[in-house]
């Protein structure tokens, strides 16, 4: 296929698309103009900014399209677009009602398996001496509780034994008690002290035993080493439970709480899943990556989870209170605004601004901009929005401006200069709204001086010019002056 043929096909496709968009932009009477109506001007199908006062050809060689005076009904608000049923069908416009649903999101991230630091034991000597015998040979060796680890020769331990034997010979209870306490403070076991009392013989070398079962995490000594207090000789890690340290994005930090269930999978065991929980949320954020570190805990009785393994984890968050939701595909996201196209009926459509909340894999929560009876466009909405957004005020035609709501709530924070407050309010069944935390504005007639954070309040508000305005408010102890308008 040569370039000329490709160009012809491209122009034909462009012309067809332009015709569909132009039909979408025109009201129904403009698509079938009467003989009495005259076009206001002509525009290029591919460029609405190219206008002429008479018919002709566009710079691309296409015939100019006439534009007629729009006759919007008095009930239509700015930005309402009328589309004929034929064009709706040709564009494949699909709609869906706004739903009332509880969302439960999943935070997917990655992490690394680590030892349970709560069960990690570091072994240090409490005296100076020499390692005579080492019973463990390499890091990674399995160790059982009560097994010998090393034998130590120390002049201090020899002297401490002699002091006990001397006290026993003198039958001095005070000295015997003091000598036993000194041996115990030097990490000598009770069994060794009992045997020493029975045998009445000083041992030059003393064997020390493992106090817990686990894996030898590190081994820093060999036979013949001289050690002293402060020397980290070895560490024993517990593997029946492990930690997994993961990171979540800053925007997801508010969703994570201690005790949430977690599902984990590893590449080396496809299909196997581990169930755990969020054990700890670190108090600081990584300043470079802007992520929050989260510690997860998993049972590991079978020993399949090895430290430093790479893991994929999914944290299941708590379900929200039932809220208004729509399909994600219905949302049109721009750099400064989120909006949807609502179906007003009788072929009328309009773009309205919405405030989005949490989302899951399919749906997104609507905090404001829609009501429970609204119907939104979920396909081909970009074509409709491209025309409606030119003149739309992005407000619903039937917002509950004249309808007020009385609810209880708790003030989280208050800004007296801006005359606003963030309040956690209860659900509003008549508006189809679940409980939510949001910002409210105060009417100029309300005295805010006695309002404080954490106050439990009962208040009346309504939507005015896109903002929730409180006209009457009272705390549990006293009313605040106000007046409904």
Protein backbone atom coordinates (compact mmCIF):
# COMPACT_ATOMS: atom_id res chain seq x y z
CA UNK A 1 0.00 0.00 0.00
CA UNK A 2 1.62 3.26 -1.13
CA UNK A 3 1.64 6.53 0.76
CA UNK A 4 -1.09 8.10 -1.41
CA UNK A 5 -3.56 5.34 -0.59
CA UNK A 6 -2.68 5.58 3.12
CA UNK A 7 -3.29 9.33 3.03
CA UNK A 8 -6.69 8.91 1.36
CA UNK A 9 -7.76 6.33 3.97
CA UNK A 10 -6.58 8.56 6.84
CA UNK A 11 -8.54 11.52 5.49
CA UNK A 12 -11.65 9.39 5.08
CA UNK A 13 -11.42 8.10 8.67
CA UNK A 14 -10.84 11.62 9.96
CA UNK A 15 -13.82 12.94 8.05
CA UNK A 16 -16.07 10.22 9.45
CA UNK A 17 -14.93 10.88 13.03
CA UNK A 18 -15.32 14.62 12.58
CA UNK A 19 -18.86 14.16 11.31
CA UNK A 20 -19.77 12.07 14.38
CA UNK A 21 -18.27 14.63 16.76
CA UNK A 22 -20.02 17.45 14.97
CA UNK A 23 -23.35 15.67 15.19
CA UNK A 24 -22.71 15.17 18.89
CA UNK A 25 -22.04 18.87 19.35
CA UNK A 26 -25.15 19.99 17.51
CA UNK A 27 -28.56 20.00 19.17
CA UNK A 28 -31.18 17.83 17.55
CA UNK A 29 -32.77 20.70 15.66
CA UNK A 30 -29.33 21.59 14.25
CA UNK A 31 -28.86 18.09 12.87
CA UNK A 32 -32.13 18.43 10.95
CA UNK A 33 -32.46 22.17 10.37
CA UNK A 34 -35.70 23.49 8.99
CA UNK A 35 -35.77 25.45 5.76
CA UNK A 36 -36.38 28.66 7.69
CA UNK A 37 -33.16 28.42 9.73
CA UNK A 38 -29.91 29.80 8.42
CA UNK A 39 -26.45 28.80 9.62
CA UNK A 40 -24.61 31.23 11.86
CA UNK A 41 -21.25 30.22 10.32
CA UNK A 42 -19.35 27.27 8.91
CA UNK A 43 -16.50 25.42 10.66
CA UNK A 44 -13.87 22.90 9.62
CA UNK A 45 -14.76 19.31 10.68
CA UNK A 46 -11.30 18.76 12.17
CA UNK A 47 -10.76 22.25 13.64
CA UNK A 48 -13.67 24.14 15.23
CA UNK A 49 -11.52 27.31 15.41
CA UNK A 50 -11.50 27.54 11.59
CA UNK A 51 -14.69 29.54 10.82
CA UNK A 52 -16.07 31.06 7.61
CA UNK A 53 -19.17 33.07 6.78
CA UNK A 54 -20.03 30.93 3.79
CA UNK A 55 -19.66 27.32 2.66
CA UNK A 56 -16.33 26.13 1.31
CA UNK A 57 -13.43 23.78 1.97
CA UNK A 58 -11.22 23.47 5.02
CA UNK A 59 -7.38 23.61 4.77
CA UNK A 60 -7.50 19.78 4.67
CA UNK A 61 -9.85 19.79 1.70
CA UNK A 62 -13.01 18.83 3.63
CA UNK A 63 -16.36 20.55 3.25
CA UNK A 64 -17.14 23.06 5.98
CA UNK A 65 -19.96 22.13 8.38
CA UNK A 66 -22.79 24.61 9.13
CA UNK A 67 -23.46 25.64 12.74
CA UNK A 68 -26.98 26.74 13.70
CA UNK A 69 -28.24 28.78 16.61
CA UNK A 70 -28.85 26.55 19.63
CA UNK A 71 -32.29 26.57 21.21
CA UNK A 72 -31.79 25.24 24.72
CA UNK A 73 -34.88 24.87 26.82
CA UNK A 74 -35.22 27.05 29.87
CA UNK A 75 -34.65 24.08 32.14
CA UNK A 76 -31.26 23.24 30.62
CA UNK A 77 -28.28 24.43 32.64
CA UNK A 78 -25.01 25.63 31.05
CA UNK A 79 -23.16 22.84 29.33
CA UNK A 80 -26.18 20.64 28.60
CA UNK A 81 -25.72 18.77 25.34
CA UNK A 82 -28.59 17.25 23.37
CA UNK A 83 -27.78 14.14 21.36
CA UNK A 84 -30.18 12.32 19.07
CA UNK A 85 -30.86 8.61 19.79
CA UNK A 86 -29.23 7.67 16.47
CA UNK A 87 -25.96 9.36 17.42
CA UNK A 88 -26.08 7.86 20.93
CA UNK A 89 -26.40 4.44 19.35
CA UNK A 90 -23.65 5.05 16.79
CA UNK A 91 -21.21 6.27 19.45
CA UNK A 92 -21.89 3.26 21.67
CA UNK A 93 -22.87 5.37 24.67
CA UNK A 94 -23.43 3.20 27.76
CA UNK A 95 -24.78 4.42 31.09
CA UNK A 96 -24.96 3.04 34.61
CA UNK A 97 -26.72 4.25 37.77
CA UNK A 98 -24.84 5.55 40.78
CA UNK A 99 -24.68 2.79 43.40
CA UNK A 100 -24.54 2.62 47.18
CA UNK A 101 -21.70 0.30 48.16
CA UNK A 102 -19.07 -0.39 50.80
CA UNK A 103 -15.51 -0.35 49.42
CA UNK A 104 -12.70 -2.58 50.61
CA UNK A 105 -9.42 -1.82 48.91
CA UNK A 106 -6.26 -3.88 48.72
CA UNK A 107 -2.80 -2.33 49.01
CA UNK A 108 -0.34 -4.32 46.89
CA UNK A 109 3.37 -3.91 47.56
CA UNK A 110 6.61 -5.86 48.03
CA UNK A 111 8.82 -6.70 50.99
CA UNK A 112 11.68 -8.79 52.31
CA UNK A 113 11.60 -11.67 54.78
CA UNK A 114 13.61 -11.09 57.97
CA UNK A 115 14.21 -12.80 61.28
CA UNK A 116 11.83 -12.04 64.09
CA UNK A 117 13.93 -9.46 65.91
CA UNK A 118 11.95 -10.03 69.10
CA UNK A 119 13.35 -13.58 69.21
CA UNK A 120 16.92 -12.78 68.09
CA UNK A 121 19.44 -13.52 70.87
CA UNK A 122 22.99 -12.09 70.84
CA UNK A 123 25.52 -14.01 72.91
CA UNK A 124 28.30 -12.08 74.69
CA UNK A 125 30.77 -13.23 77.37
CA UNK A 126 30.66 -11.52 80.76
CA UNK A 127 34.31 -12.19 81.54
CA UNK A 128 37.62 -12.19 79.71
CA UNK A 129 38.91 -15.54 78.56
CA UNK A 130 39.82 -17.96 75.78
CA UNK A 131 37.53 -20.19 73.68
CA UNK A 132 38.75 -23.73 74.35
CA UNK A 133 36.08 -25.70 72.45
CA UNK A 134 33.52 -24.47 69.88
CA UNK A 135 30.58 -26.82 69.35
CA UNK A 136 28.90 -24.81 66.55
CA UNK A 137 30.91 -24.44 63.38
CA UNK A 138 29.14 -22.18 60.89
CA UNK A 139 26.39 -19.59 60.52
CA UNK A 140 23.13 -21.25 59.49
CA UNK A 141 23.57 -24.30 61.75
CA UNK A 142 20.46 -25.45 63.56
CA UNK A 143 20.70 -25.10 67.33
CA UNK A 144 18.40 -26.68 69.90
CA UNK A 145 17.75 -25.33 73.36
CA UNK A 146 20.15 -26.85 75.91
CA UNK A 147 22.83 -27.83 73.38
CA UNK A 148 26.44 -26.80 74.17
CA UNK A 149 27.76 -23.79 72.26
CA UNK A 150 31.31 -23.20 73.53
CA UNK A 151 33.73 -23.88 76.43
CA UNK A 152 35.50 -20.92 77.99
CA UNK A 153 38.60 -20.68 80.18
CA UNK A 154 38.61 -17.54 82.32
CA UNK A 155 40.67 -16.73 85.42
CA UNK A 156 37.72 -14.71 86.73
CA UNK A 157 35.47 -17.77 86.62
CA UNK A 158 38.11 -19.83 88.39
CA UNK A 159 38.38 -17.22 91.16
CA UNK A 160 34.60 -17.05 91.52
CA UNK A 161 34.42 -20.84 91.98
CA UNK A 162 37.18 -20.76 94.62
CA UNK A 163 35.30 -18.07 96.54
CA UNK A 164 32.22 -20.31 96.70
CA UNK A 165 34.19 -23.32 97.87
CA UNK A 166 35.91 -21.21 100.56
CA UNK A 167 32.53 -19.93 101.77
CA UNK A 168 31.22 -23.49 101.89
CA UNK A 169 34.18 -24.63 104.01
CA UNK A 170 33.59 -21.78 106.44
CA UNK A 171 29.84 -22.52 106.40
CA UNK A 172 29.21 -18.79 106.18
CA UNK A 173 25.70 -18.32 104.83
CA UNK A 174 26.26 -14.70 103.83
CA UNK A 175 29.45 -15.48 101.91
CA UNK A 176 27.83 -18.53 100.25
CA UNK A 177 24.93 -16.43 99.06
CA UNK A 178 27.28 -13.72 97.74
CA UNK A 179 29.52 -16.23 95.93
CA UNK A 180 26.55 -17.89 94.23
CA UNK A 181 25.19 -14.51 93.16
CA UNK A 182 28.56 -13.61 91.65
CA UNK A 183 28.69 -16.84 89.61
CA UNK A 184 25.12 -16.27 88.40
CA UNK A 185 25.99 -12.71 87.35
CA UNK A 186 28.87 -14.11 85.29
CA UNK A 187 26.31 -16.20 83.33
CA UNK A 188 27.12 -19.51 85.05
CA UNK A 189 24.08 -21.82 85.07
CA UNK A 190 22.33 -23.02 88.23
CA UNK A 191 23.11 -26.63 87.31
CA UNK A 192 26.83 -25.87 87.23
CA UNK A 193 26.65 -24.22 90.67
CA UNK A 194 24.84 -27.27 92.12
CA UNK A 195 27.46 -29.63 90.67
CA UNK A 196 30.24 -27.42 92.04
CA UNK A 197 28.72 -27.64 95.54
CA UNK A 198 28.51 -31.40 95.26
CA UNK A 199 31.96 -32.07 93.77
CA UNK A 200 33.86 -29.36 95.72
CA UNK A 201 36.26 -29.17 92.73
CA UNK A 202 37.09 -26.07 90.66
CA UNK A 203 36.66 -26.47 86.90
CA UNK A 204 39.17 -24.67 84.69
CA UNK A 205 36.85 -24.67 81.66
CA UNK A 206 33.13 -23.97 81.77
CA UNK A 207 30.70 -24.97 79.00
CA UNK A 208 27.87 -22.58 78.04
CA UNK A 209 24.58 -23.80 76.49
CA UNK A 210 21.93 -22.44 74.09
CA UNK A 211 18.99 -20.81 75.86
CA UNK A 212 16.65 -21.16 72.85
CA UNK A 213 16.28 -23.18 69.67
CA UNK A 214 16.85 -21.56 66.32
CA UNK A 215 19.37 -20.85 63.60
CA UNK A 216 22.88 -19.53 64.10
CA UNK A 217 22.59 -16.13 62.43
CA UNK A 218 26.23 -15.10 62.78
CA UNK A 219 29.39 -16.66 64.21
CA UNK A 220 32.30 -14.34 64.94
CA UNK A 221 34.66 -16.61 66.91
CA UNK A 222 36.79 -19.70 66.43
CA UNK A 223 38.57 -22.00 68.88
CA UNK A 224 41.44 -20.20 70.60
CA UNK A 225 39.90 -16.73 70.27
CA UNK A 226 40.40 -14.34 73.19
CA UNK A 227 37.11 -12.70 74.09
CA UNK A 228 36.02 -10.08 76.56
CA UNK A 229 32.77 -8.40 77.63
CA UNK A 230 31.27 -6.61 74.66
CA UNK A 231 32.41 -9.17 72.09
CA UNK A 232 29.48 -10.39 69.98
CA UNK A 233 30.37 -14.06 69.64
CA UNK A 234 27.23 -15.33 67.92
CA UNK A 235 23.50 -14.77 67.43
CA UNK A 236 20.64 -17.27 67.49
CA UNK A 237 17.51 -16.40 65.50
CA UNK A 238 14.04 -17.86 65.90
CA UNK A 239 12.38 -19.08 62.66
CA UNK A 240 8.96 -20.29 63.80
CA UNK A 241 7.74 -16.77 63.06
CA UNK A 242 9.28 -14.27 60.65
CA UNK A 243 8.91 -10.61 59.86
CA UNK A 244 8.35 -9.14 56.43
CA UNK A 245 9.22 -5.48 56.05
CA UNK A 246 7.26 -3.78 53.26
CA UNK A 247 6.77 -0.21 52.08
CA UNK A 248 3.56 1.55 51.06
CA UNK A 249 3.17 4.86 49.26
CA UNK A 250 2.47 7.99 51.28
CA UNK A 251 -1.02 8.35 49.79
CA UNK A 252 -1.89 4.86 51.08
CA UNK A 253 -0.56 5.38 54.60
CA UNK A 254 -3.96 6.33 56.00
CA UNK A 255 -5.40 2.98 54.93
CA UNK A 256 -2.94 0.88 56.92
CA UNK A 257 -3.73 -0.11 60.51
CA UNK A 258 -2.22 -2.57 62.94
CA UNK A 259 -3.84 -6.01 62.80
CA UNK A 260 -5.03 -5.86 59.16
CA UNK A 261 -4.91 -9.23 57.37
CA UNK A 262 -2.13 -9.74 54.83
CA UNK A 263 -1.67 -12.30 52.04
CA UNK A 264 1.87 -13.05 50.84
CA UNK A 265 3.30 -15.02 47.92
CA UNK A 266 6.87 -15.83 46.82
CA UNK A 267 8.22 -16.51 43.36
CA UNK A 268 10.04 -19.68 44.39
CA UNK A 269 6.78 -21.38 45.49
CA UNK A 270 4.16 -20.49 42.85
CA UNK A 271 0.59 -20.89 43.97
CA UNK A 272 1.33 -21.01 47.70
CA UNK A 273 -0.08 -18.27 49.91
CA UNK A 274 0.78 -17.25 53.46
CA UNK A 275 -1.69 -15.48 55.72
CA UNK A 276 -0.35 -12.95 58.22
CA UNK A 277 -1.16 -9.59 59.74
CA UNK A 278 0.21 -6.07 60.09
CA UNK A 279 2.34 -6.16 63.23
CA UNK A 280 3.76 -2.64 63.40
CA UNK A 281 3.67 0.64 61.48
CA UNK A 282 6.89 2.64 61.69
CA UNK A 283 6.45 6.23 62.89
CA UNK A 284 8.52 7.98 60.21
CA UNK A 285 8.30 8.33 56.45
CA UNK A 286 11.23 7.76 54.12
CA UNK A 287 12.11 11.28 53.00
CA UNK A 288 13.58 10.17 49.67
CA UNK A 289 11.11 7.52 48.51
CA UNK A 290 8.08 9.06 50.28
CA UNK A 291 7.08 5.62 51.53
CA UNK A 292 5.98 4.28 54.89
CA UNK A 293 7.63 1.16 56.31
CA UNK A 294 5.26 -1.53 57.58
CA UNK A 295 6.20 -4.67 59.50
CA UNK A 296 4.21 -7.84 58.83
CA UNK A 297 4.26 -11.07 60.85
CA UNK A 298 3.87 -14.60 59.45
CA UNK A 299 3.94 -18.07 61.00
CA UNK A 300 6.76 -20.26 59.63
CA UNK A 301 6.55 -23.64 61.34
CA UNK A 302 7.53 -25.45 58.15
CA UNK A 303 10.61 -23.26 57.70
CA UNK A 304 9.86 -22.40 54.06
CA UNK A 305 10.30 -18.66 54.61
CA UNK A 306 13.98 -17.74 54.51
CA UNK A 307 15.42 -14.36 55.57
CA UNK A 308 16.11 -11.93 52.70
CA UNK A 309 13.57 -13.60 50.39
CA UNK A 310 11.66 -11.23 48.10
CA UNK A 311 7.90 -11.33 48.73
CA UNK A 312 4.76 -9.88 47.16
CA UNK A 313 2.16 -8.86 49.73
CA UNK A 314 -1.45 -7.66 49.63
CA UNK A 315 -2.82 -5.80 52.65
CA UNK A 316 -6.62 -5.92 52.88
CA UNK A 317 -7.91 -2.66 54.35
CA UNK A 318 -11.03 -2.18 56.45
CA UNK A 319 -14.29 -1.78 54.48
CA UNK A 320 -15.73 1.71 54.41
CA UNK A 321 -19.21 2.71 55.43
CA UNK A 322 -21.59 2.38 52.43
CA UNK A 323 -21.00 5.31 50.09
CA UNK A 324 -22.03 6.43 46.63
CA UNK A 325 -19.79 4.78 44.02
CA UNK A 326 -19.50 4.69 40.24
CA UNK A 327 -17.40 2.64 37.85
CA UNK A 328 -13.81 3.86 37.49
CA UNK A 329 -14.17 3.99 33.73
CA UNK A 330 -16.82 6.72 34.06
CA UNK A 331 -14.38 9.25 35.56
CA UNK A 332 -12.70 11.82 33.34
CA UNK A 333 -9.48 12.93 35.02
CA UNK A 334 -7.81 16.20 34.10
CA UNK A 335 -4.89 18.01 35.64
CA UNK A 336 -7.09 20.19 37.83
CA UNK A 337 -10.48 18.50 37.98
CA UNK A 338 -12.26 15.15 38.07
CA UNK A 339 -15.62 15.00 36.35
CA UNK A 340 -18.24 12.68 34.95
CA UNK A 341 -20.96 12.98 32.32
CA UNK A 342 -24.45 12.47 33.71
CA UNK A 343 -27.47 11.39 31.67
CA UNK A 344 -30.27 13.90 32.27
CA UNK A 345 -32.75 11.97 30.17
CA UNK A 346 -34.42 12.74 26.83
CA UNK A 347 -31.06 12.78 25.08
CA UNK A 348 -29.56 15.41 27.37
CA UNK A 349 -26.08 15.06 28.87
CA UNK A 350 -23.89 17.29 30.99
CA UNK A 351 -20.38 17.25 32.49
CA UNK A 352 -20.28 17.78 36.25
CA UNK A 353 -17.35 18.04 38.64
CA UNK A 354 -16.99 15.36 41.33
CA UNK A 355 -14.81 14.80 44.37
CA UNK A 356 -13.35 11.30 44.52
CA UNK A 357 -12.60 9.21 47.58
CA UNK A 358 -11.27 5.68 47.98
CA UNK A 359 -11.37 3.15 45.18
CA UNK A 360 -11.01 -0.56 44.56
CA UNK A 361 -10.27 -2.47 41.37
CA UNK A 362 -13.57 -1.53 39.74
CA UNK A 363 -15.33 1.32 41.55
CA UNK A 364 -14.49 4.71 43.02
CA UNK A 365 -16.19 6.53 45.88
CA UNK A 366 -17.97 9.83 45.18
CA UNK A 367 -17.70 12.33 48.04
CA UNK A 368 -19.59 15.14 46.30
CA UNK A 369 -21.05 16.05 42.93
CA UNK A 370 -23.56 13.21 42.47
CA UNK A 371 -26.72 11.91 44.12
CA UNK A 372 -27.98 8.36 44.51
CA UNK A 373 -30.52 8.64 41.65
CA UNK A 374 -28.04 9.95 39.07
CA UNK A 375 -27.08 8.03 35.95
CA UNK A 376 -23.56 8.43 34.56
CA UNK A 377 -22.06 7.70 31.16
CA UNK A 378 -19.43 4.93 31.28
CA UNK A 379 -18.40 4.78 27.60
CA UNK A 380 -17.94 7.43 24.90
CA UNK A 381 -18.12 10.06 27.65
CA UNK A 382 -14.97 11.79 26.37
CA UNK A 383 -16.74 12.80 23.13
CA UNK A 384 -19.70 14.19 25.04
CA UNK A 385 -17.48 15.91 27.59
CA UNK A 386 -15.43 17.60 24.87
CA UNK A 387 -18.56 19.50 23.86
CA UNK A 388 -20.27 19.94 27.24
CA UNK A 389 -17.14 21.20 29.01
CA UNK A 390 -16.90 24.23 26.69
CA UNK A 391 -19.83 25.95 28.41
CA UNK A 392 -20.59 23.82 31.47
CA UNK A 393 -20.57 25.28 34.97
CA UNK A 394 -19.79 21.72 36.15
CA UNK A 395 -22.61 21.89 38.70
CA UNK A 396 -25.50 19.46 38.90
CA UNK A 397 -28.86 20.71 37.68
CA UNK A 398 -30.61 19.50 40.82
CA UNK A 399 -28.19 19.84 43.71
CA UNK A 400 -29.89 19.86 47.12
CA UNK A 401 -29.23 23.61 47.55
CA UNK A 402 -32.65 24.22 49.03
CA UNK A 403 -32.58 21.06 51.14
CA UNK A 404 -30.77 21.06 54.44
CA UNK A 405 -29.59 18.18 56.61
CA UNK A 406 -29.28 17.90 60.38
CA UNK A 407 -26.57 15.57 61.63
CA UNK A 408 -24.35 14.83 64.61
CA UNK A 409 -20.59 14.97 64.34
CA UNK A 410 -17.23 15.55 66.01
CA UNK A 411 -14.98 18.52 65.19
CA UNK A 412 -11.50 17.28 64.20
CA UNK A 413 -9.93 20.67 63.56
CA UNK A 414 -11.07 24.25 63.21
CA UNK A 415 -9.70 27.27 61.30
CA UNK A 416 -11.21 30.45 62.68
CA UNK A 417 -9.57 32.73 60.13
CA UNK A 418 -10.91 30.78 57.16
CA UNK A 419 -14.18 30.06 59.05
CA UNK A 420 -13.94 26.36 58.26
CA UNK A 421 -13.83 23.12 60.24
CA UNK A 422 -13.11 19.49 59.46
CA UNK A 423 -15.95 17.45 60.97
CA UNK A 424 -16.57 13.71 61.08
CA UNK A 425 -20.32 13.54 60.51
CA UNK A 426 -22.80 10.69 60.68
CA UNK A 427 -24.60 9.21 57.66
CA UNK A 428 -27.34 11.14 55.79
CA UNK A 429 -29.81 8.49 54.54
CA UNK A 430 -32.05 10.91 52.62
CA UNK A 431 -29.11 12.02 50.49
CA UNK A 432 -27.71 8.51 50.18
CA UNK A 433 -24.53 9.56 51.97
CA UNK A 434 -22.62 7.41 54.43
CA UNK A 435 -20.63 8.73 57.38
CA UNK A 436 -17.68 10.86 56.25
CA UNK A 437 -15.03 13.32 57.39
CA UNK A 438 -15.13 16.55 55.36
CA UNK A 439 -14.64 20.30 55.44
CA UNK A 440 -17.53 22.62 56.28
CA UNK A 441 -17.83 26.40 56.00
CA UNK A 442 -19.60 28.51 58.62
CA UNK A 443 -22.29 31.07 57.89
CA UNK A 444 -21.19 34.65 58.79
CA UNK A 445 -23.98 34.73 61.40
CA UNK A 446 -22.39 31.96 63.50
CA UNK A 447 -20.12 32.84 66.44
CA UNK A 448 -17.21 30.34 66.32
CA UNK A 449 -15.38 31.55 69.42
CA UNK A 450 -16.64 28.79 71.73
CA UNK A 451 -16.09 25.92 69.29
CA UNK A 452 -13.13 23.65 70.00
CA UNK A 453 -11.54 20.54 68.50
CA UNK A 454 -13.05 17.25 69.75
CA UNK A 455 -16.41 18.96 70.47
CA UNK A 456 -19.43 16.75 69.83
CA UNK A 457 -21.88 18.86 67.85
CA UNK A 458 -25.31 18.75 66.28
CA UNK A 459 -25.51 21.00 63.23
CA UNK A 460 -27.60 21.91 60.20
CA UNK A 461 -26.01 22.52 56.81
CA UNK A 462 -26.78 22.66 53.12
CA UNK A 463 -24.91 22.95 49.84
CA UNK A 464 -24.38 26.53 48.65
CA UNK A 465 -22.38 27.28 45.50
CA UNK A 466 -20.59 23.96 45.73
CA UNK A 467 -19.63 24.34 49.41
CA UNK A 468 -21.20 22.77 52.51
CA UNK A 469 -22.25 25.66 54.74
CA UNK A 470 -23.30 25.30 58.39
CA UNK A 471 -26.17 27.62 59.37
CA UNK A 472 -26.93 26.31 62.84
CA UNK A 473 -24.74 24.41 65.30
CA UNK A 474 -24.84 23.41 68.93
CA UNK A 475 -22.44 21.50 71.16
CA UNK A 476 -23.52 18.97 73.76
CA UNK A 477 -23.30 21.69 76.41
CA UNK A 478 -24.67 24.83 74.73
CA UNK A 479 -26.02 26.17 71.40
CA UNK A 480 -24.05 28.42 69.08
CA UNK A 481 -25.91 31.36 67.65
CA UNK A 482 -26.97 30.84 64.05
CA UNK A 483 -29.87 31.12 61.71
CA UNK A 484 -31.05 28.95 58.83
CA UNK A 485 -31.43 30.73 55.55
